[in-house]
Amino acid sequence: MRNFLIAALLVVSATAAAEPYGTPRTIEAGGSAGLTVATDTRDFNVAPQIGWFLAPNQEISAIVCVTRVSDGMDTSTLFTALVEPSYHVPLAPRLFGFFGLGIGGTYAPSVGGGFAIAPRLGANVPVGGSGVITPSVSWQYASLGAASSLRLNLGYTVIW
């Protein structure tokens, strides 16, 4: 009985393919993480996100990012919330390139809140029936006095 249930679960998950990536009315949810290590600086970020394809290959996403920065003896946490419109370009049957421009706000307990803008460039690689692996690079500018940062992130999302 147990083997039958496992086999049934595998068949259902393999056949429950989502709409093709970038199809209108498709929802994408997941997140990404990144780590930057330099001489006296460490930056770790986690960024959950949810997006909706409103037109072919055009997505609007909400991204919340929590970043922990250690610089020498100082450590701080930075919170950022962005709305990101993005365009996804099919490069191959299972490979998309994308460009997005996140706009929103940021907050650091030590300096307060401010405006944030984050252009992002990356790739979407659909895997399995509904998974998407997303390596990306972004540059985030914050008006509140926090240093701008270049980020390399690796993400995983699910579409349905």
Protein backbone atom coordinates (compact mmCIF):
# COMPACT_ATOMS: atom_id res chain seq x y z
CA MET A 1 0.00 0.00 0.00
CA ARG A 2 2.82 2.36 0.90
CA ASN A 3 4.56 1.80 -2.45
CA PHE A 4 1.27 2.44 -4.25
CA LEU A 5 0.83 5.79 -2.45
CA ILE A 6 4.40 6.85 -3.25
CA ALA A 7 3.96 5.90 -6.91
CA ALA A 8 0.62 7.75 -7.09
CA LEU A 9 2.19 10.85 -5.53
CA LEU A 10 5.05 10.78 -8.07
CA VAL A 11 2.64 10.40 -11.00
CA VAL A 12 0.44 13.25 -9.79
CA SER A 13 3.39 15.60 -9.19
CA ALA A 14 4.93 14.74 -12.57
CA THR A 15 1.69 15.36 -14.46
CA ALA A 16 0.64 18.48 -12.54
CA ALA A 17 2.61 20.71 -14.87
CA ALA A 18 1.96 24.40 -14.52
CA GLU A 19 1.27 26.75 -17.39
CA PRO A 20 4.37 27.49 -19.51
CA TYR A 21 6.62 30.08 -17.89
CA GLY A 22 5.60 33.66 -18.66
CA THR A 23 1.96 32.87 -19.52
CA PRO A 24 -0.58 35.55 -18.48
CA ARG A 25 -2.39 34.92 -15.17
CA THR A 26 0.45 32.67 -13.94
CA ILE A 27 1.51 33.21 -10.32
CA GLU A 28 5.13 32.79 -9.21
CA ALA A 29 6.09 32.54 -5.53
CA GLY A 30 9.35 31.75 -3.77
CA GLY A 31 12.46 33.67 -2.89
CA SER A 32 16.19 34.06 -3.12
CA ALA A 33 19.24 34.38 -0.90
CA GLY A 34 22.69 35.88 -1.34
CA LEU A 35 25.98 36.23 0.48
CA THR A 36 28.72 38.80 -0.02
CA VAL A 37 32.08 38.36 1.68
CA ALA A 38 34.88 40.95 1.44
CA THR A 39 37.90 41.85 3.59
CA ASP A 40 36.00 43.33 6.56
CA THR A 41 32.44 43.09 5.28
CA ARG A 42 29.80 40.38 5.30
CA ASP A 43 26.34 40.79 3.78
CA PHE A 44 23.68 38.07 3.90
CA ASN A 45 20.22 38.66 2.44
CA VAL A 46 16.98 36.71 2.15
CA ALA A 47 14.25 37.94 -0.20
CA PRO A 48 10.86 36.21 -0.42
CA GLN A 49 8.75 37.28 -3.39
CA ILE A 50 5.43 36.75 -5.14
CA GLY A 51 4.67 37.75 -8.71
CA TRP A 52 1.90 37.66 -11.28
CA PHE A 53 2.28 37.59 -15.07
CA LEU A 54 -0.20 40.19 -16.29
CA ALA A 55 0.74 39.87 -19.98
CA PRO A 56 2.97 37.48 -21.95
CA ASN A 57 6.43 37.59 -20.33
CA GLN A 58 5.55 40.69 -18.26
CA GLU A 59 5.45 40.23 -14.50
CA ILE A 60 4.74 42.45 -11.51
CA SER A 61 6.31 41.24 -8.25
CA ALA A 62 6.35 42.18 -4.58
CA ILE A 63 9.74 41.55 -2.96
CA VAL A 64 10.64 41.90 0.72
CA CYS A 65 14.34 41.74 1.52
CA VAL A 66 16.03 41.39 4.90
CA THR A 67 19.76 42.04 4.84
CA ARG A 68 22.24 41.52 7.67
CA VAL A 69 25.40 43.57 7.18
CA SER A 70 28.58 43.18 9.25
CA ASP A 71 31.23 45.79 8.60
CA GLY A 72 34.25 45.48 10.86
CA MET A 73 32.86 45.92 14.40
CA ASP A 74 29.43 47.23 13.30
CA THR A 75 26.43 45.05 12.47
CA SER A 76 23.05 46.23 11.22
CA THR A 77 19.90 44.91 9.61
CA LEU A 78 18.28 46.52 6.58
CA PHE A 79 14.64 45.92 5.60
CA THR A 80 13.49 46.65 2.04
CA ALA A 81 10.09 46.32 0.33
CA LEU A 82 9.93 46.67 -3.46
CA VAL A 83 7.41 46.48 -6.27
CA GLU A 84 9.20 45.20 -9.36
CA PRO A 85 7.85 45.18 -12.91
CA SER A 86 9.97 42.85 -15.06
CA TYR A 87 10.20 41.62 -18.62
CA HIS A 88 11.22 38.01 -19.38
CA VAL A 89 12.79 37.16 -22.75
CA PRO A 90 12.68 33.55 -24.01
CA LEU A 91 16.25 32.61 -24.97
CA ALA A 92 15.73 28.85 -25.41
CA PRO A 93 12.83 26.44 -24.77
CA ARG A 94 13.71 26.21 -21.05
CA LEU A 95 15.72 29.41 -20.49
CA PHE A 96 14.56 33.00 -20.03
CA GLY A 97 16.55 36.17 -19.42
CA PHE A 98 14.91 38.98 -17.47
CA PHE A 99 15.28 42.59 -16.44
CA GLY A 100 13.35 44.18 -13.57
CA LEU A 101 13.31 47.53 -11.81
CA GLY A 102 12.30 47.38 -8.15
CA ILE A 103 11.03 50.60 -6.56
CA GLY A 104 9.99 50.99 -2.93
CA GLY A 105 11.22 51.78 0.53
CA THR A 106 13.94 50.71 2.91
CA TYR A 107 14.46 50.94 6.65
CA ALA A 108 17.49 50.56 8.90
CA PRO A 109 16.99 50.97 12.67
CA SER A 110 20.17 53.05 13.00
CA VAL A 111 19.29 55.67 10.33
CA GLY A 112 15.54 55.40 9.65
CA GLY A 113 13.62 54.95 6.41
CA GLY A 114 14.06 56.09 2.85
CA PHE A 115 13.51 55.45 -0.85
CA ALA A 116 15.01 52.37 -2.57
CA ILE A 117 15.54 51.48 -6.20
CA ALA A 118 16.98 48.17 -7.39
CA PRO A 119 17.53 47.25 -11.04
CA ARG A 120 17.91 43.47 -11.43
CA LEU A 121 19.18 41.26 -14.28
CA GLY A 122 19.05 37.49 -14.33
CA ALA A 123 17.88 34.21 -15.80
CA ASN A 124 14.90 31.94 -15.20
CA VAL A 125 15.46 28.21 -15.70
CA PRO A 126 12.22 26.19 -15.43
CA VAL A 127 12.87 22.78 -13.84
CA GLY A 128 10.41 19.94 -13.41
CA GLY A 129 6.74 20.71 -13.79
CA SER A 130 6.52 23.98 -11.87
CA GLY A 131 9.90 24.93 -10.36
CA VAL A 132 12.08 27.82 -11.55
CA ILE A 133 15.73 28.42 -10.60
CA THR A 134 16.67 32.11 -10.77
CA PRO A 135 20.25 33.36 -10.55
CA SER A 136 20.34 37.17 -10.58
CA VAL A 137 22.48 40.23 -10.03
CA SER A 138 21.05 43.48 -8.67
CA TRP A 139 22.26 46.85 -7.50
CA GLN A 140 20.32 48.50 -4.68
CA TYR A 141 20.41 52.22 -3.97
CA ALA A 142 18.88 53.55 -0.75
CA SER A 143 18.37 57.27 -0.07
CA LEU A 144 18.72 56.92 3.71
CA GLY A 145 22.49 56.94 3.87
CA ALA A 146 23.05 53.18 3.74
CA ALA A 147 25.69 52.15 1.22
CA SER A 148 24.57 51.01 -2.20
CA SER A 149 25.16 47.34 -2.77
CA LEU A 150 25.74 44.92 -5.61
CA ARG A 151 24.07 41.56 -4.95
CA LEU A 152 24.42 38.13 -6.49
CA ASN A 153 21.43 35.97 -5.50
CA LEU A 154 20.20 32.48 -6.24
CA GLY A 155 16.49 31.87 -6.03
CA TYR A 156 13.87 29.18 -6.39
CA THR A 157 10.21 29.79 -7.18
CA VAL A 158 7.14 27.75 -8.02
CA ILE A 159 4.63 28.71 -10.71
CA TRP A 160 0.97 27.82 -10.98
